[in-house]
Amino acid sequence: MSDACGVVSSADHVNGLRFAFHPNFRQNAPPTPGHSSSTAPAVFDMWYFAYGSNLNWRAVADWCRHYGHKPPTLKTGKPAVLDNYRLSFPIYSEYWGGGIADIVYDPGKYVQGALFDLTDAEMKVLDAKVNRKLDPADKEIGTYKRIDIRVAPLGKGEALKAITYQGTSTDRYHIPPTQHYMDLVIQGAYSFGLSMMWISYLQSFSTQVGRKPRPPGLGDAAPRL
């Protein structure tokens, strides 16, 4: 099944509602006062761009509760845009019971989302959530892989280097997400001030009735996004 809804172009977000980006982020946190760098544990911060269910911190917290992880800090994200990609739903998730979000390189299109400053430990929790796996040769073999991108704030500000997730499968057929899943994505988009044009675009995707997330022990396969 293909997605029949229109694709938003990169030019559209210039004319859409835009929000100021707050620059008060720390990409590399300084050592805690009173602790020397030689004794304090190393903490590596990185920019992470979320565009699917990870936009909704409650959805992430629920998954973490099901699978015994400490939730990452996802309440302070800022609206941002990734150019030259488009949103798609080509991956089936047993956890969600329907299609889940992915991004596809597509010059001239764009994806709105939120930018977070996360530690390496927090990123590893998200790795587990999206079923990112590496083989002994460090080849990406899971459902999603990390990719390096440049993300611009929705408003004035310089583009930043960031990490996001992209599906490893080359199949691009549209798998309708459940309405519950899309509601969570849209709630997250609202919470971080994404443009109404983008929210309308999210609402245009075909969905299925489906079910709510299935916790472990009820026939779930992999702990996917």
Protein backbone atom coordinates (compact mmCIF):
# COMPACT_ATOMS: atom_id res chain seq x y z
CA MET A 1 0.00 0.00 0.00
CA SER A 2 1.42 3.33 -0.99
CA ASP A 3 0.93 6.62 0.81
CA ALA A 4 -1.46 8.76 -1.18
CA CYS A 5 -1.04 11.95 0.81
CA GLY A 6 0.87 14.92 -0.56
CA VAL A 7 4.54 15.43 0.27
CA VAL A 8 5.61 18.69 1.89
CA SER A 9 8.38 20.50 0.03
CA SER A 10 11.39 22.22 1.57
CA ALA A 11 10.15 25.58 0.32
CA ASP A 12 6.89 25.21 2.26
CA HIS A 13 8.47 25.40 5.69
CA VAL A 14 9.94 28.81 4.87
CA ASN A 15 6.42 30.18 4.56
CA GLY A 16 4.94 28.13 7.40
CA LEU A 17 4.68 29.16 11.01
CA ARG A 18 8.17 29.25 12.52
CA PHE A 19 9.33 29.41 16.13
CA ALA A 20 12.40 30.94 17.72
CA PHE A 21 15.10 28.47 18.71
CA HIS A 22 16.49 28.86 22.19
CA PRO A 23 20.30 28.53 21.99
CA ASN A 24 20.80 27.60 25.62
CA PHE A 25 22.04 24.05 24.98
CA ARG A 26 25.25 22.39 26.13
CA GLN A 27 26.83 20.17 23.53
CA ASN A 28 29.75 19.23 25.77
CA ALA A 29 28.94 19.62 29.44
CA PRO A 30 31.81 20.95 31.60
CA PRO A 31 32.97 18.92 34.62
CA THR A 32 30.81 19.28 37.72
CA PRO A 33 32.27 21.95 40.06
CA GLY A 34 34.40 20.37 42.75
CA HIS A 35 35.20 17.29 40.65
CA SER A 36 38.34 16.93 38.58
CA SER A 37 38.04 15.63 35.03
CA SER A 38 40.41 12.80 35.94
CA THR A 39 38.08 11.34 38.57
CA ALA A 40 34.62 12.22 37.26
CA PRO A 41 33.07 9.77 34.78
CA ALA A 42 33.21 10.93 31.18
CA VAL A 43 29.90 12.26 29.87
CA PHE A 44 29.59 12.78 26.13
CA ASP A 45 26.67 14.88 24.99
CA MET A 46 25.34 14.83 21.45
CA TRP A 47 22.53 16.44 19.51
CA TYR A 48 19.68 14.08 18.70
CA PHE A 49 16.87 14.83 16.23
CA ALA A 50 13.52 13.12 16.92
CA TYR A 51 10.68 12.96 14.39
CA GLY A 52 8.45 9.98 15.28
CA SER A 53 7.12 8.59 18.56
CA ASN A 54 10.30 9.81 20.29
CA LEU A 55 8.76 13.28 20.03
CA ASN A 56 6.39 12.16 22.76
CA TRP A 57 8.26 11.78 26.05
CA ARG A 58 5.36 9.90 27.63
CA ALA A 59 5.49 7.29 24.87
CA VAL A 60 9.23 6.90 25.45
CA ALA A 61 8.75 6.69 29.21
CA ASP A 62 6.08 4.00 28.77
CA TRP A 63 8.42 1.94 26.59
CA CYS A 64 11.23 2.36 29.13
CA ARG A 65 8.92 1.20 31.92
CA HIS A 66 7.95 -1.90 29.92
CA TYR A 67 11.57 -2.81 29.20
CA GLY A 68 13.29 -1.70 32.39
CA HIS A 69 15.25 1.34 31.19
CA LYS A 70 15.71 4.77 32.72
CA PRO A 71 13.93 7.25 30.41
CA PRO A 72 16.13 9.81 28.63
CA THR A 73 15.45 13.51 29.14
CA LEU A 74 13.08 14.41 26.32
CA LYS A 75 11.05 17.29 27.78
CA THR A 76 13.34 20.15 26.74
CA GLY A 77 13.61 19.66 22.99
CA LYS A 78 13.48 22.57 20.60
CA PRO A 79 11.74 22.67 17.20
CA ALA A 80 14.00 22.02 14.23
CA VAL A 81 13.88 20.99 10.57
CA LEU A 82 15.82 18.43 8.58
CA ASP A 83 16.03 19.39 4.91
CA ASN A 84 16.18 17.02 1.94
CA TYR A 85 14.38 14.15 3.66
CA ARG A 86 10.72 13.12 3.80
CA LEU A 87 8.70 11.25 6.38
CA SER A 88 7.49 7.72 5.64
CA PHE A 89 6.02 4.71 7.45
CA PRO A 90 7.61 1.62 5.84
CA ILE A 91 8.47 -0.37 9.00
CA TYR A 92 6.09 -2.68 10.86
CA SER A 93 6.38 -2.74 14.66
CA GLU A 94 5.03 -5.58 16.78
CA TYR A 95 5.13 -3.25 19.78
CA TRP A 96 2.91 -0.63 18.13
CA GLY A 97 0.89 -3.02 15.96
CA GLY A 98 1.33 -0.97 12.78
CA GLY A 99 3.70 1.13 10.70
CA ILE A 100 6.25 3.40 12.39
CA ALA A 101 8.08 6.49 11.23
CA ASP A 102 11.21 6.56 9.10
CA ILE A 103 12.94 9.16 6.94
CA VAL A 104 13.96 8.83 3.30
CA TYR A 105 16.50 11.00 1.49
CA ASP A 106 14.50 13.12 -0.94
CA PRO A 107 16.03 16.43 -2.14
CA GLY A 108 13.66 19.36 -1.83
CA LYS A 109 11.52 17.84 0.93
CA TYR A 110 11.84 18.30 4.69
CA VAL A 111 11.00 16.74 8.04
CA GLN A 112 10.16 18.73 11.17
CA GLY A 113 11.03 17.42 14.61
CA ALA A 114 12.74 18.33 17.86
CA LEU A 115 16.39 18.61 18.80
CA PHE A 116 17.69 17.27 22.12
CA ASP A 117 21.06 17.41 23.87
CA LEU A 118 21.51 13.85 25.17
CA THR A 119 24.26 11.90 26.85
CA ASP A 120 25.76 8.78 25.35
CA ALA A 121 23.93 6.70 27.97
CA GLU A 122 20.59 8.25 26.98
CA MET A 123 21.31 7.58 23.30
CA LYS A 124 21.97 3.93 24.13
CA VAL A 125 18.49 3.70 25.66
CA LEU A 126 17.04 5.06 22.42
CA ASP A 127 19.23 2.61 20.49
CA ALA A 128 17.49 -0.19 22.37
CA LYS A 129 14.06 1.35 21.77
CA VAL A 130 14.52 1.50 18.01
CA ASN A 131 16.25 -1.89 17.89
CA ARG A 132 19.60 -0.56 16.72
CA LYS A 133 22.18 -3.35 16.65
CA LEU A 134 25.79 -3.68 15.51
CA ASP A 135 27.59 -6.84 14.45
CA PRO A 136 31.19 -7.55 15.57
CA ALA A 137 32.45 -5.47 12.63
CA ASP A 138 30.29 -2.50 13.75
CA LYS A 139 27.93 -2.91 10.80
CA GLU A 140 24.38 -1.72 11.44
CA ILE A 141 22.11 -4.79 11.42
CA GLY A 142 19.11 -3.71 13.49
CA THR A 143 15.78 -2.17 12.50
CA TYR A 144 17.26 1.35 12.57
CA LYS A 145 20.73 2.79 12.18
CA ARG A 146 22.24 6.06 13.34
CA ILE A 147 23.01 8.63 10.66
CA ASP A 148 24.79 11.97 10.84
CA ILE A 149 22.75 14.95 9.68
CA ARG A 150 22.64 18.74 9.81
CA VAL A 151 19.51 20.21 11.41
CA ALA A 152 18.38 23.84 11.33
CA PRO A 153 16.31 25.45 14.11
CA LEU A 154 12.79 26.62 13.29
CA GLY A 155 13.79 30.24 13.49
CA LYS A 156 17.08 32.06 13.43
CA GLY A 157 20.19 30.08 14.16
CA GLU A 158 22.98 28.08 12.61
CA ALA A 159 22.47 24.51 11.43
CA LEU A 160 23.90 21.94 13.82
CA LYS A 161 25.44 18.53 13.37
CA ALA A 162 23.17 15.92 14.92
CA ILE A 163 22.31 12.23 15.00
CA THR A 164 19.01 10.66 14.05
CA TYR A 165 17.71 7.21 13.17
CA GLN A 166 16.89 5.81 9.74
CA GLY A 167 15.53 2.38 8.89
CA THR A 168 18.00 -0.14 7.53
CA SER A 169 15.48 -1.79 5.18
CA THR A 170 15.24 -0.61 1.58
CA ASP A 171 11.53 -1.48 1.38
CA ARG A 172 9.48 1.71 1.11
CA TYR A 173 5.87 0.51 1.01
CA HIS A 174 3.53 2.49 3.23
CA ILE A 175 2.37 0.53 6.29
CA PRO A 176 -0.44 2.50 7.94
CA PRO A 177 0.41 3.41 11.52
CA THR A 178 -2.23 2.93 14.17
CA GLN A 179 -4.29 5.97 15.04
CA HIS A 180 -2.97 5.71 18.60
CA TYR A 181 0.62 5.92 17.33
CA MET A 182 -0.13 8.92 15.11
CA ASP A 183 -1.97 10.66 17.95
CA LEU A 184 1.19 10.36 20.07
CA VAL A 185 3.37 11.74 17.27
CA ILE A 186 0.98 14.66 16.72
CA GLN A 187 0.80 15.38 20.45
CA GLY A 188 4.59 15.51 20.51
CA ALA A 189 4.63 17.84 17.50
CA TYR A 190 2.24 20.19 19.28
CA SER A 191 4.24 20.10 22.50
CA PHE A 192 7.45 21.26 20.80
CA GLY A 193 5.81 23.99 18.72
CA LEU A 194 6.13 22.45 15.27
CA SER A 195 4.30 24.36 12.56
CA MET A 196 0.59 23.89 11.95
CA MET A 197 1.46 23.11 8.34
CA TRP A 198 3.56 20.16 9.53
CA ILE A 199 0.90 18.99 11.97
CA SER A 200 -1.67 19.07 9.16
CA TYR A 201 0.72 16.99 7.08
CA LEU A 202 0.99 14.42 9.88
CA GLN A 203 -2.80 14.28 10.05
CA SER A 204 -2.99 13.54 6.32
CA PHE A 205 -1.37 10.09 6.57
CA SER A 206 -3.66 7.09 6.32
CA THR A 207 -3.94 5.13 9.58
CA GLN A 208 -5.51 1.93 10.91
CA VAL A 209 -7.54 1.39 14.07
CA GLY A 210 -4.98 -1.03 15.50
CA ARG A 211 -4.31 -1.23 19.22
CA LYS A 212 -2.27 0.35 21.98
CA PRO A 213 1.37 -0.74 22.53
CA ARG A 214 1.85 -4.33 23.59
CA PRO A 215 4.18 -4.73 26.60
CA PRO A 216 6.59 -7.68 26.96
CA GLY A 217 5.12 -11.08 27.71
CA LEU A 218 2.15 -10.61 25.40
CA GLY A 219 3.69 -11.91 22.21
CA ASP A 220 5.84 -8.89 21.41
CA ALA A 221 8.74 -9.55 19.07
CA ALA A 222 11.60 -7.06 19.32
CA PRO A 223 11.49 -3.89 21.44
CA ARG A 224 11.13 -1.65 18.43
CA LEU A 225 10.23 2.02 18.13
